[in-house]
Amino acid sequence: MFKTLYTSVFPRLAKNTYANRVQFILRQQIQPWHPSSTLVHEAAAAVLKLSPNKFYDFSNQLFEHQKEYFDVSVVKESRNDTYERLSKLAGSVGVDEGKVLDLLKISDQPGSDGSLNIGNAVTDDIKLMVKANRLVGVHVTPTVLFNGIVENSISSSFTAEQWEDWLGKNVS
């Protein structure tokens, strides 16, 4: 769905009469049964924090390189090693790779209060994303919401033409 939106719908949207009446917001949904999903979403949160205008470009790169971050692909590397690769991917779309890594890296030292589960600099952002998705009942990906309500008629296989037709009927 992202690929269709990114490569076909968004460019067309600028040309449609309802373009100034609709806004697309990509909300990340971590798949907890894929442990590396959290790391990928943390990297996207870091990009969103540092360079919001690069978020969709980075998301596109994540989809293009997604197999490199599947469970089998990351099982033999440390979490920080995966973060380094994700930071480089962020660098490929013009985001400061070093700053991304600074937000992601997990220290090997306890927190000042002795805590051991200290997270990283985007942990609180991830917590907010998870809470927001839970509040509106998002359980699977993709889930589309229209005016804040889950819209089950839109499927992951929607073509650009189906999107355009749906938007034409539903955005007044």
C-alpha atoms as a PDB file:
ATOM      1  CA  MET A   1       0.000   0.000   0.000  1.00  0.00           C
ATOM      2  CA  PHE A   2       2.784   2.447   0.872  1.00  0.00           C
ATOM      3  CA  LYS A   3       4.448   1.953  -2.509  1.00  0.00           C
ATOM      4  CA  THR A   4       1.190   2.695  -4.339  1.00  0.00           C
ATOM      5  CA  LEU A   5       0.557   5.794  -2.248  1.00  0.00           C
ATOM      6  CA  TYR A   6       4.142   7.056  -2.461  1.00  0.00           C
ATOM      7  CA  THR A   7       4.741   6.482  -6.166  1.00  0.00           C
ATOM      8  CA  SER A   8       1.265   6.983  -7.650  1.00  0.00           C
ATOM      9  CA  VAL A   9      -1.349   8.509  -5.360  1.00  0.00           C
ATOM     10  CA  PHE A  10       0.675  11.307  -3.750  1.00  0.00           C
ATOM     11  CA  PRO A  11       1.957  12.662  -7.090  1.00  0.00           C
ATOM     12  CA  ARG A  12      -1.578  12.525  -8.555  1.00  0.00           C
ATOM     13  CA  LEU A  13      -3.077  14.089  -5.453  1.00  0.00           C
ATOM     14  CA  ALA A  14      -1.374  17.415  -6.122  1.00  0.00           C
ATOM     15  CA  LYS A  15      -3.277  17.619  -9.415  1.00  0.00           C
ATOM     16  CA  ASN A  16      -6.753  16.782  -8.067  1.00  0.00           C
ATOM     17  CA  THR A  17      -9.355  19.290  -6.981  1.00  0.00           C
ATOM     18  CA  TYR A  18      -9.668  17.689  -3.530  1.00  0.00           C
ATOM     19  CA  ALA A  19      -5.925  17.798  -2.895  1.00  0.00           C
ATOM     20  CA  ASN A  20      -6.205  20.642  -0.385  1.00  0.00           C
ATOM     21  CA  ARG A  21      -8.992  18.804   1.492  1.00  0.00           C
ATOM     22  CA  VAL A  22      -7.217  15.568   2.351  1.00  0.00           C
ATOM     23  CA  GLN A  23      -4.119  14.815   4.372  1.00  0.00           C
ATOM     24  CA  PHE A  24      -2.311  11.495   4.554  1.00  0.00           C
ATOM     25  CA  ILE A  25      -0.616  10.623   7.824  1.00  0.00           C
ATOM     26  CA  LEU A  26       1.510   7.507   8.030  1.00  0.00           C
ATOM     27  CA  ARG A  27       1.375   6.131  11.543  1.00  0.00           C
ATOM     28  CA  GLN A  28       3.819   3.407  12.294  1.00  0.00           C
ATOM     29  CA  GLN A  29       2.525   0.113  13.682  1.00  0.00           C
ATOM     30  CA  ILE A  30       5.146  -2.108  15.253  1.00  0.00           C
ATOM     31  CA  GLN A  31       4.706  -5.824  14.627  1.00  0.00           C
ATOM     32  CA  PRO A  32       5.809  -7.235  18.006  1.00  0.00           C
ATOM     33  CA  TRP A  33       6.072 -10.785  16.668  1.00  0.00           C
ATOM     34  CA  HIS A  34       8.956  -9.530  14.503  1.00  0.00           C
ATOM     35  CA  PRO A  35      11.541  -8.281  17.023  1.00  0.00           C
ATOM     36  CA  SER A  36      13.435  -6.242  14.448  1.00  0.00           C
ATOM     37  CA  SER A  37      10.234  -4.350  13.647  1.00  0.00           C
ATOM     38  CA  THR A  38      10.776  -2.221  16.739  1.00  0.00           C
ATOM     39  CA  LEU A  39      14.269  -1.248  15.581  1.00  0.00           C
ATOM     40  CA  VAL A  40      13.056  -0.267  12.114  1.00  0.00           C
ATOM     41  CA  HIS A  41      10.250   1.831  13.584  1.00  0.00           C
ATOM     42  CA  GLU A  42      12.669   3.462  16.022  1.00  0.00           C
ATOM     43  CA  ALA A  43      14.833   4.473  13.063  1.00  0.00           C
ATOM     44  CA  ALA A  44      11.800   5.965  11.327  1.00  0.00           C
ATOM     45  CA  ALA A  45      10.935   7.827  14.534  1.00  0.00           C
ATOM     46  CA  ALA A  46      14.478   9.215  14.647  1.00  0.00           C
ATOM     47  CA  VAL A  47      14.171  10.424  11.048  1.00  0.00           C
ATOM     48  CA  LEU A  48      10.779  11.960  11.807  1.00  0.00           C
ATOM     49  CA  LYS A  49      12.288  13.779  14.777  1.00  0.00           C
ATOM     50  CA  LEU A  50      15.360  15.062  12.901  1.00  0.00           C
ATOM     51  CA  SER A  51      14.040  15.651   9.374  1.00  0.00           C
ATOM     52  CA  PRO A  52      10.261  15.334   9.115  1.00  0.00           C
ATOM     53  CA  ASN A  53      10.390  16.252   5.435  1.00  0.00           C
ATOM     54  CA  LYS A  54      12.503  13.126   4.778  1.00  0.00           C
ATOM     55  CA  PHE A  55      10.189  10.715   6.594  1.00  0.00           C
ATOM     56  CA  TYR A  56       8.354   9.456   3.499  1.00  0.00           C
ATOM     57  CA  ASP A  57      11.605   9.144   1.527  1.00  0.00           C
ATOM     58  CA  PHE A  58      13.116   7.145   4.385  1.00  0.00           C
ATOM     59  CA  SER A  59       9.977   5.017   4.680  1.00  0.00           C
ATOM     60  CA  ASN A  60      10.251   4.282   0.966  1.00  0.00           C
ATOM     61  CA  GLN A  61      13.850   3.162   1.445  1.00  0.00           C
ATOM     62  CA  LEU A  62      12.800   0.946   4.349  1.00  0.00           C
ATOM     63  CA  PHE A  63      10.275  -0.774   2.102  1.00  0.00           C
ATOM     64  CA  GLU A  64      12.858  -1.107  -0.663  1.00  0.00           C
ATOM     65  CA  HIS A  65      15.339  -2.686   1.761  1.00  0.00           C
ATOM     66  CA  GLN A  66      12.911  -4.408   4.107  1.00  0.00           C
ATOM     67  CA  LYS A  67      14.309  -7.919   3.649  1.00  0.00           C
ATOM     68  CA  GLU A  68      17.621  -6.686   5.034  1.00  0.00           C
ATOM     69  CA  TYR A  69      15.834  -6.090   8.355  1.00  0.00           C
ATOM     70  CA  PHE A  70      13.712  -9.251   8.562  1.00  0.00           C
ATOM     71  CA  ASP A  71      14.343 -11.579  11.508  1.00  0.00           C
ATOM     72  CA  VAL A  72      16.693 -13.924   9.652  1.00  0.00           C
ATOM     73  CA  SER A  73      18.728 -10.992   8.352  1.00  0.00           C
ATOM     74  CA  VAL A  74      19.419  -9.437  11.763  1.00  0.00           C
ATOM     75  CA  VAL A  75      19.609 -12.448  14.071  1.00  0.00           C
ATOM     76  CA  LYS A  76      23.424 -12.570  14.106  1.00  0.00           C
ATOM     77  CA  GLU A  77      24.065  -8.872  14.721  1.00  0.00           C
ATOM     78  CA  SER A  78      23.710  -6.752  17.838  1.00  0.00           C
ATOM     79  CA  ARG A  79      20.903  -4.255  18.206  1.00  0.00           C
ATOM     80  CA  ASN A  80      23.363  -1.367  17.883  1.00  0.00           C
ATOM     81  CA  ASP A  81      24.798  -2.947  14.703  1.00  0.00           C
ATOM     82  CA  THR A  82      21.300  -2.953  13.198  1.00  0.00           C
ATOM     83  CA  TYR A  83      20.906   0.676  14.270  1.00  0.00           C
ATOM     84  CA  GLU A  84      24.150   1.516  12.458  1.00  0.00           C
ATOM     85  CA  ARG A  85      22.814   0.006   9.226  1.00  0.00           C
ATOM     86  CA  LEU A  86      19.515   1.834   9.651  1.00  0.00           C
ATOM     87  CA  SER A  87      21.373   5.095  10.257  1.00  0.00           C
ATOM     88  CA  LYS A  88      23.263   4.608   7.004  1.00  0.00           C
ATOM     89  CA  LEU A  89      19.977   4.039   5.225  1.00  0.00           C
ATOM     90  CA  ALA A  90      18.724   7.320   6.695  1.00  0.00           C
ATOM     91  CA  GLY A  91      21.892   8.943   5.410  1.00  0.00           C
ATOM     92  CA  SER A  92      21.024   7.728   1.906  1.00  0.00           C
ATOM     93  CA  VAL A  93      18.002  10.076   1.869  1.00  0.00           C
ATOM     94  CA  GLY A  94      19.891  13.073   3.222  1.00  0.00           C
ATOM     95  CA  VAL A  95      19.377  12.713   6.982  1.00  0.00           C
ATOM     96  CA  ASP A  96      22.435  13.121   9.208  1.00  0.00           C
ATOM     97  CA  GLU A  97      23.474   9.518   9.818  1.00  0.00           C
ATOM     98  CA  GLY A  98      25.434  10.374  12.984  1.00  0.00           C
ATOM     99  CA  LYS A  99      22.492  12.177  14.557  1.00  0.00           C
ATOM    100  CA  VAL A 100      20.176   9.260  13.753  1.00  0.00           C
ATOM    101  CA  LEU A 101      22.596   6.846  15.388  1.00  0.00           C
ATOM    102  CA  ASP A 102      22.881   9.120  18.424  1.00  0.00           C
ATOM    103  CA  LEU A 103      19.119   8.889  18.896  1.00  0.00           C
ATOM    104  CA  LEU A 104      19.053   5.114  18.434  1.00  0.00           C
ATOM    105  CA  LYS A 105      22.120   3.727  20.159  1.00  0.00           C
ATOM    106  CA  ILE A 106      21.635   1.820  23.398  1.00  0.00           C
ATOM    107  CA  SER A 107      24.259   2.402  26.047  1.00  0.00           C
ATOM    108  CA  ASP A 108      25.998  -0.531  27.703  1.00  0.00           C
ATOM    109  CA  GLN A 109      26.000   1.393  30.983  1.00  0.00           C
ATOM    110  CA  PRO A 110      23.167   1.632  33.509  1.00  0.00           C
ATOM    111  CA  GLY A 111      21.226   4.876  33.772  1.00  0.00           C
ATOM    112  CA  SER A 112      22.236   7.422  36.395  1.00  0.00           C
ATOM    113  CA  ASP A 113      19.639   5.919  38.733  1.00  0.00           C
ATOM    114  CA  GLY A 114      20.985   2.399  38.163  1.00  0.00           C
ATOM    115  CA  SER A 115      18.195   1.392  35.771  1.00  0.00           C
ATOM    116  CA  LEU A 116      19.070  -1.217  33.182  1.00  0.00           C
ATOM    117  CA  ASN A 117      16.143  -0.858  30.752  1.00  0.00           C
ATOM    118  CA  ILE A 118      17.027   2.656  29.686  1.00  0.00           C
ATOM    119  CA  GLY A 119      15.880   2.543  26.061  1.00  0.00           C
ATOM    120  CA  ASN A 120      17.121   5.154  23.641  1.00  0.00           C
ATOM    121  CA  ALA A 121      16.278   8.730  22.678  1.00  0.00           C
ATOM    122  CA  VAL A 122      13.159   7.704  20.713  1.00  0.00           C
ATOM    123  CA  THR A 123      11.706   5.248  23.226  1.00  0.00           C
ATOM    124  CA  ASP A 124       9.132   7.783  24.443  1.00  0.00           C
ATOM    125  CA  ASP A 125       8.144   8.544  20.835  1.00  0.00           C
ATOM    126  CA  ILE A 126       7.549   4.838  20.214  1.00  0.00           C
ATOM    127  CA  LYS A 127       5.443   4.576  23.367  1.00  0.00           C
ATOM    128  CA  LEU A 128       3.232   7.420  22.114  1.00  0.00           C
ATOM    129  CA  MET A 129       2.839   5.790  18.691  1.00  0.00           C
ATOM    130  CA  VAL A 130       1.797   2.497  20.257  1.00  0.00           C
ATOM    131  CA  LYS A 131      -0.678   4.234  22.574  1.00  0.00           C
ATOM    132  CA  ALA A 132      -2.193   6.250  19.721  1.00  0.00           C
ATOM    133  CA  ASN A 133      -2.712   3.130  17.602  1.00  0.00           C
ATOM    134  CA  ARG A 134      -4.243   1.221  20.506  1.00  0.00           C
ATOM    135  CA  LEU A 135      -6.695   4.044  21.151  1.00  0.00           C
ATOM    136  CA  VAL A 136      -8.158   3.829  17.650  1.00  0.00           C
ATOM    137  CA  GLY A 137      -8.103   0.044  17.459  1.00  0.00           C
ATOM    138  CA  VAL A 138      -5.246  -0.518  15.025  1.00  0.00           C
ATOM    139  CA  HIS A 139      -4.158  -4.143  15.292  1.00  0.00           C
ATOM    140  CA  VAL A 140      -2.950  -5.066  11.819  1.00  0.00           C
ATOM    141  CA  THR A 141      -1.120  -3.416   8.969  1.00  0.00           C
ATOM    142  CA  PRO A 142      -2.112  -1.752   6.926  1.00  0.00           C
ATOM    143  CA  THR A 143      -5.076  -0.113   8.612  1.00  0.00           C
ATOM    144  CA  VAL A 144      -6.592   2.966   7.013  1.00  0.00           C
ATOM    145  CA  LEU A 145      -8.514   5.533   9.021  1.00  0.00           C
ATOM    146  CA  PHE A 146     -10.711   8.191   7.451  1.00  0.00           C
ATOM    147  CA  ASN A 147     -11.715  11.086   9.691  1.00  0.00           C
ATOM    148  CA  GLY A 148     -10.389   9.063  12.625  1.00  0.00           C
ATOM    149  CA  ILE A 149     -12.501   5.956  11.932  1.00  0.00           C
ATOM    150  CA  VAL A 150     -11.125   2.634  10.669  1.00  0.00           C
ATOM    151  CA  GLU A 151     -12.078   2.324   6.987  1.00  0.00           C
ATOM    152  CA  ASN A 152     -12.283  -1.403   6.239  1.00  0.00           C
ATOM    153  CA  SER A 153     -13.232  -0.960   2.583  1.00  0.00           C
ATOM    154  CA  ILE A 154      -9.650   0.007   1.701  1.00  0.00           C
ATOM    155  CA  SER A 155      -7.370  -2.971   1.313  1.00  0.00           C
ATOM    156  CA  SER A 156      -3.626  -3.371   0.995  1.00  0.00           C
ATOM    157  CA  SER A 157      -4.080  -4.267  -2.683  1.00  0.00           C
ATOM    158  CA  PHE A 158      -5.801  -0.981  -3.602  1.00  0.00           C
ATOM    159  CA  THR A 159      -4.473   0.324  -6.901  1.00  0.00           C
ATOM    160  CA  ALA A 160      -3.817   3.981  -7.610  1.00  0.00           C
ATOM    161  CA  GLU A 161      -7.030   4.069  -9.642  1.00  0.00           C
ATOM    162  CA  GLN A 162      -9.030   2.593  -6.745  1.00  0.00           C
ATOM    163  CA  TRP A 163      -7.539   5.173  -4.406  1.00  0.00           C
ATOM    164  CA  GLU A 164      -8.433   7.963  -6.794  1.00  0.00           C
ATOM    165  CA  ASP A 165     -11.977   6.646  -7.171  1.00  0.00           C
ATOM    166  CA  TRP A 166     -12.404   6.239  -3.398  1.00  0.00           C
ATOM    167  CA  LEU A 167     -11.031   9.696  -2.669  1.00  0.00           C
ATOM    168  CA  GLY A 168     -13.255  11.212  -5.351  1.00  0.00           C
ATOM    169  CA  LYS A 169     -16.333   9.673  -3.712  1.00  0.00           C
ATOM    170  CA  ASN A 170     -15.412  10.361  -0.102  1.00  0.00           C
ATOM    171  CA  VAL A 171     -13.553  13.665   0.002  1.00  0.00           C
ATOM    172  CA  SER A 172     -15.940  16.553  -0.572  1.00  0.00           C
END
